[in-house]
Amino acid sequence: MHRLFKVLGSKQRMKILKHLLTVDEPICYCELEGVIDRDRSVIYRHLKKLESVGLLETRRAGKRVECWVDEKDKVRNLLTIANSITNQEVSAVES
């Protein structure tokens, strides 16, 4: 479980994941360059980390590497819970 939260600890991976939650079809990872303003090799490494903890799926389609979030509701719930825990911890520290 610690690997999951470590993967979620990256702002760039969170941006990628949130973007993938908004699309209905698998997209090529090259289409994510504008999302985090990084080159394809960096995006590919982020996708592999997200895939390694089960947050998304990837497949090769010719020269393309397509990615998508398979279980969107579960991932949205996970992000909601993680966000609420983070907000509670920040509030507790500030008190």
N, C-alpha and C. Protein backbone atom coordinates (compact mmCIF):
# COMPACT_ATOMS: atom_id res chain seq x y z
N MET A 1 0.82 -1.19 0.00
CA MET A 1 0.00 0.00 0.00
C MET A 1 0.87 1.26 0.00
N HIS A 2 2.03 1.20 0.63
CA HIS A 2 2.89 2.38 0.65
C HIS A 2 3.33 2.77 -0.76
N ARG A 3 3.49 1.77 -1.67
CA ARG A 3 3.84 2.09 -3.06
C ARG A 3 2.74 2.91 -3.72
N LEU A 4 1.49 2.56 -3.42
CA LEU A 4 0.36 3.28 -4.00
C LEU A 4 0.41 4.75 -3.61
N PHE A 5 0.59 5.03 -2.33
CA PHE A 5 0.60 6.42 -1.89
C PHE A 5 1.86 7.15 -2.34
N LYS A 6 2.95 6.42 -2.49
CA LYS A 6 4.15 7.04 -3.03
C LYS A 6 3.92 7.48 -4.48
N VAL A 7 3.25 6.61 -5.25
CA VAL A 7 2.93 6.96 -6.64
C VAL A 7 1.98 8.16 -6.68
N LEU A 8 1.01 8.20 -5.78
CA LEU A 8 0.06 9.32 -5.75
C LEU A 8 0.69 10.61 -5.23
N GLY A 9 1.88 10.51 -4.67
CA GLY A 9 2.54 11.69 -4.11
C GLY A 9 3.15 12.62 -5.15
N SER A 10 3.14 12.23 -6.41
CA SER A 10 3.71 13.06 -7.48
C SER A 10 2.62 13.93 -8.10
N LYS A 11 2.86 15.24 -8.14
CA LYS A 11 1.89 16.16 -8.75
C LYS A 11 1.70 15.85 -10.23
N GLN A 12 2.78 15.49 -10.91
CA GLN A 12 2.68 15.19 -12.33
C GLN A 12 1.84 13.94 -12.57
N ARG A 13 2.04 12.90 -11.77
CA ARG A 13 1.23 11.69 -11.94
C ARG A 13 -0.23 11.96 -11.59
N MET A 14 -0.47 12.81 -10.61
CA MET A 14 -1.85 13.16 -10.26
C MET A 14 -2.53 13.90 -11.42
N LYS A 15 -1.80 14.80 -12.06
CA LYS A 15 -2.37 15.52 -13.21
C LYS A 15 -2.71 14.54 -14.33
N ILE A 16 -1.82 13.60 -14.60
CA ILE A 16 -2.07 12.60 -15.64
C ILE A 16 -3.30 11.78 -15.28
N LEU A 17 -3.36 11.31 -14.05
CA LEU A 17 -4.48 10.47 -13.61
C LEU A 17 -5.80 11.23 -13.69
N LYS A 18 -5.82 12.46 -13.22
CA LYS A 18 -7.05 13.25 -13.26
C LYS A 18 -7.48 13.50 -14.71
N HIS A 19 -6.51 13.74 -15.59
CA HIS A 19 -6.86 13.94 -17.00
C HIS A 19 -7.45 12.67 -17.59
N LEU A 20 -6.85 11.52 -17.28
CA LEU A 20 -7.35 10.26 -17.82
C LEU A 20 -8.74 9.93 -17.30
N LEU A 21 -9.09 10.45 -16.13
CA LEU A 21 -10.44 10.23 -15.61
C LEU A 21 -11.49 11.01 -16.40
N THR A 22 -11.06 12.01 -17.15
CA THR A 22 -12.01 12.84 -17.91
C THR A 22 -12.25 12.33 -19.33
N VAL A 23 -11.43 11.40 -19.80
CA VAL A 23 -11.58 10.92 -21.18
C VAL A 23 -12.30 9.58 -21.19
N ASP A 24 -13.04 9.33 -22.25
CA ASP A 24 -13.82 8.10 -22.35
C ASP A 24 -13.12 6.99 -23.12
N GLU A 25 -12.20 7.35 -23.97
CA GLU A 25 -11.50 6.39 -24.83
C GLU A 25 -10.04 6.30 -24.41
N PRO A 26 -9.39 5.17 -24.65
CA PRO A 26 -7.94 5.11 -24.44
C PRO A 26 -7.25 6.17 -25.31
N ILE A 27 -6.24 6.82 -24.75
CA ILE A 27 -5.51 7.83 -25.52
C ILE A 27 -4.04 7.47 -25.58
N CYS A 28 -3.37 7.95 -26.61
CA CYS A 28 -1.94 7.74 -26.76
C CYS A 28 -1.21 8.59 -25.72
N TYR A 29 -0.16 8.04 -25.15
CA TYR A 29 0.57 8.79 -24.15
C TYR A 29 1.18 10.07 -24.71
N CYS A 30 1.38 10.14 -26.01
CA CYS A 30 1.91 11.36 -26.62
C CYS A 30 0.93 12.52 -26.47
N GLU A 31 -0.35 12.21 -26.28
CA GLU A 31 -1.37 13.25 -26.10
C GLU A 31 -1.31 13.87 -24.70
N LEU A 32 -0.49 13.32 -23.82
CA LEU A 32 -0.39 13.84 -22.45
C LEU A 32 0.73 14.86 -22.30
N GLU A 33 1.47 15.13 -23.38
CA GLU A 33 2.57 16.09 -23.30
C GLU A 33 2.10 17.46 -22.83
N GLY A 34 0.95 17.89 -23.28
CA GLY A 34 0.42 19.19 -22.87
C GLY A 34 -0.12 19.22 -21.46
N VAL A 35 -0.42 18.04 -20.90
CA VAL A 35 -1.00 17.97 -19.57
C VAL A 35 0.04 18.31 -18.50
N ILE A 36 1.26 17.77 -18.66
CA ILE A 36 2.29 18.03 -17.65
C ILE A 36 3.52 18.75 -18.21
N ASP A 37 3.49 19.10 -19.48
CA ASP A 37 4.57 19.85 -20.12
C ASP A 37 5.92 19.13 -19.95
N ARG A 38 5.94 17.86 -20.26
CA ARG A 38 7.14 17.04 -20.21
C ARG A 38 7.24 16.24 -21.50
N ASP A 39 8.45 15.72 -21.78
CA ASP A 39 8.59 14.92 -22.99
C ASP A 39 8.05 13.51 -22.79
N ARG A 40 7.95 12.80 -23.87
CA ARG A 40 7.29 11.48 -23.86
C ARG A 40 7.98 10.47 -22.95
N SER A 41 9.30 10.54 -22.85
CA SER A 41 9.99 9.56 -22.01
C SER A 41 9.61 9.72 -20.54
N VAL A 42 9.44 10.95 -20.09
CA VAL A 42 9.03 11.21 -18.71
C VAL A 42 7.59 10.74 -18.50
N ILE A 43 6.74 11.05 -19.45
CA ILE A 43 5.33 10.63 -19.37
C ILE A 43 5.24 9.11 -19.33
N TYR A 44 6.02 8.44 -20.16
CA TYR A 44 5.99 6.97 -20.20
C TYR A 44 6.39 6.39 -18.84
N ARG A 45 7.41 6.95 -18.21
CA ARG A 45 7.83 6.47 -16.88
C ARG A 45 6.73 6.68 -15.85
N HIS A 46 6.05 7.82 -15.91
CA HIS A 46 4.94 8.07 -14.99
C HIS A 46 3.81 7.06 -15.22
N LEU A 47 3.50 6.78 -16.48
CA LEU A 47 2.44 5.82 -16.79
C LEU A 47 2.79 4.44 -16.25
N LYS A 48 4.04 4.04 -16.39
CA LYS A 48 4.45 2.72 -15.90
C LYS A 48 4.31 2.63 -14.38
N LYS A 49 4.60 3.71 -13.67
CA LYS A 49 4.44 3.70 -12.21
C LYS A 49 2.96 3.63 -11.84
N LEU A 50 2.13 4.39 -12.53
CA LEU A 50 0.69 4.33 -12.27
C LEU A 50 0.14 2.94 -12.59
N GLU A 51 0.63 2.34 -13.65
CA GLU A 51 0.19 1.00 -14.03
C GLU A 51 0.66 -0.04 -13.00
N SER A 52 1.85 0.14 -12.45
CA SER A 52 2.41 -0.85 -11.53
C SER A 52 1.59 -0.99 -10.24
N VAL A 53 0.83 0.04 -9.89
CA VAL A 53 -0.01 -0.03 -8.69
C VAL A 53 -1.49 -0.22 -9.04
N GLY A 54 -1.78 -0.47 -10.31
CA GLY A 54 -3.13 -0.82 -10.73
C GLY A 54 -4.07 0.35 -10.95
N LEU A 55 -3.54 1.56 -11.10
CA LEU A 55 -4.42 2.71 -11.30
C LEU A 55 -4.81 2.93 -12.75
N LEU A 56 -4.04 2.38 -13.68
CA LEU A 56 -4.41 2.50 -15.08
C LEU A 56 -3.89 1.31 -15.85
N GLU A 57 -4.34 1.23 -17.08
CA GLU A 57 -3.96 0.15 -17.99
C GLU A 57 -3.25 0.76 -19.19
N THR A 58 -2.33 0.02 -19.79
CA THR A 58 -1.70 0.46 -21.03
C THR A 58 -1.66 -0.71 -22.01
N ARG A 59 -1.57 -0.36 -23.29
CA ARG A 59 -1.41 -1.39 -24.33
C ARG A 59 -0.71 -0.75 -25.52
N ARG A 60 0.00 -1.57 -26.24
CA ARG A 60 0.63 -1.13 -27.48
C ARG A 60 -0.36 -1.31 -28.62
N ALA A 61 -0.43 -0.28 -29.45
CA ALA A 61 -1.26 -0.34 -30.66
C ALA A 61 -0.37 0.15 -31.81
N GLY A 62 0.39 -0.77 -32.39
CA GLY A 62 1.37 -0.38 -33.39
C GLY A 62 2.50 0.35 -32.71
N LYS A 63 2.75 1.58 -33.13
CA LYS A 63 3.80 2.39 -32.49
C LYS A 63 3.26 3.17 -31.30
N ARG A 64 1.97 3.19 -31.17
CA ARG A 64 1.34 3.96 -30.09
C ARG A 64 1.29 3.16 -28.78
N VAL A 65 1.41 3.87 -27.68
CA VAL A 65 1.14 3.28 -26.37
C VAL A 65 -0.09 3.98 -25.84
N GLU A 66 -1.19 3.23 -25.73
CA GLU A 66 -2.45 3.81 -25.27
C GLU A 66 -2.64 3.54 -23.78
N CYS A 67 -3.30 4.47 -23.12
CA CYS A 67 -3.52 4.31 -21.69
C CYS A 67 -4.94 4.75 -21.34
N TRP A 68 -5.46 4.20 -20.23
CA TRP A 68 -6.79 4.54 -19.76
C TRP A 68 -6.93 4.08 -18.32
N VAL A 69 -7.90 4.66 -17.63
CA VAL A 69 -8.26 4.22 -16.29
C VAL A 69 -9.41 3.24 -16.46
N ASP A 70 -9.19 2.00 -16.04
CA ASP A 70 -10.19 0.94 -16.25
C ASP A 70 -11.35 1.06 -15.26
N GLU A 71 -11.05 1.25 -14.00
CA GLU A 71 -12.09 1.31 -12.97
C GLU A 71 -12.17 2.75 -12.42
N LYS A 72 -12.78 3.61 -13.20
CA LYS A 72 -12.80 5.04 -12.88
C LYS A 72 -13.46 5.33 -11.54
N ASP A 73 -14.55 4.68 -11.22
CA ASP A 73 -15.23 4.96 -9.95
C ASP A 73 -14.34 4.63 -8.76
N LYS A 74 -13.64 3.51 -8.82
CA LYS A 74 -12.75 3.15 -7.72
C LYS A 74 -11.60 4.14 -7.58
N VAL A 75 -11.05 4.58 -8.70
CA VAL A 75 -9.95 5.53 -8.65
C VAL A 75 -10.44 6.88 -8.14
N ARG A 76 -11.60 7.32 -8.57
CA ARG A 76 -12.18 8.57 -8.05
C ARG A 76 -12.40 8.49 -6.54
N ASN A 77 -12.93 7.36 -6.07
CA ASN A 77 -13.13 7.17 -4.63
C ASN A 77 -11.81 7.20 -3.88
N LEU A 78 -10.80 6.56 -4.42
CA LEU A 78 -9.48 6.57 -3.80
C LEU A 78 -8.94 7.98 -3.68
N LEU A 79 -9.06 8.76 -4.76
CA LEU A 79 -8.57 10.14 -4.74
C LEU A 79 -9.36 10.99 -3.76
N THR A 80 -10.66 10.77 -3.67
CA THR A 80 -11.49 11.51 -2.72
C THR A 80 -11.08 11.21 -1.29
N ILE A 81 -10.86 9.94 -0.98
CA ILE A 81 -10.44 9.55 0.37
C ILE A 81 -9.06 10.11 0.69
N ALA A 82 -8.13 9.97 -0.24
CA ALA A 82 -6.77 10.49 -0.02
C ALA A 82 -6.80 12.00 0.20
N ASN A 83 -7.62 12.70 -0.56
CA ASN A 83 -7.73 14.15 -0.41
C ASN A 83 -8.33 14.52 0.93
N SER A 84 -9.35 13.80 1.38
CA SER A 84 -9.96 14.12 2.67
C SER A 84 -9.00 13.85 3.82
N ILE A 85 -8.22 12.78 3.72
CA ILE A 85 -7.22 12.50 4.76
C ILE A 85 -6.17 13.59 4.79
N THR A 86 -5.70 13.99 3.63
CA THR A 86 -4.69 15.04 3.55
C THR A 86 -5.21 16.34 4.15
N ASN A 87 -6.44 16.72 3.83
CA ASN A 87 -7.02 17.95 4.37
C ASN A 87 -7.18 17.87 5.88
N GLN A 88 -7.57 16.70 6.39
CA GLN A 88 -7.73 16.55 7.84
C GLN A 88 -6.39 16.68 8.53
N GLU A 89 -5.33 16.10 7.96
CA GLU A 89 -4.02 16.18 8.58
C GLU A 89 -3.51 17.61 8.58
N VAL A 90 -3.74 18.34 7.52
CA VAL A 90 -3.32 19.75 7.46
C VAL A 90 -4.08 20.55 8.51
N SER A 91 -5.38 20.32 8.62
CA SER A 91 -6.18 21.04 9.61
C SER A 91 -5.72 20.71 11.03
N ALA A 92 -5.41 19.45 11.30
CA ALA A 92 -4.97 19.05 12.63
C ALA A 92 -3.64 19.68 13.01
N VAL A 93 -2.73 19.82 12.06
CA VAL A 93 -1.43 20.42 12.31
C VAL A 93 -1.57 21.91 12.56
N GLU A 94 -2.47 22.58 11.83
CA GLU A 94 -2.65 24.01 11.97
C GLU A 94 -3.30 24.38 13.30
N SER A 95 -4.06 23.49 13.93
CA SER A 95 -4.76 23.78 15.17
C SER A 95 -3.83 23.91 16.35
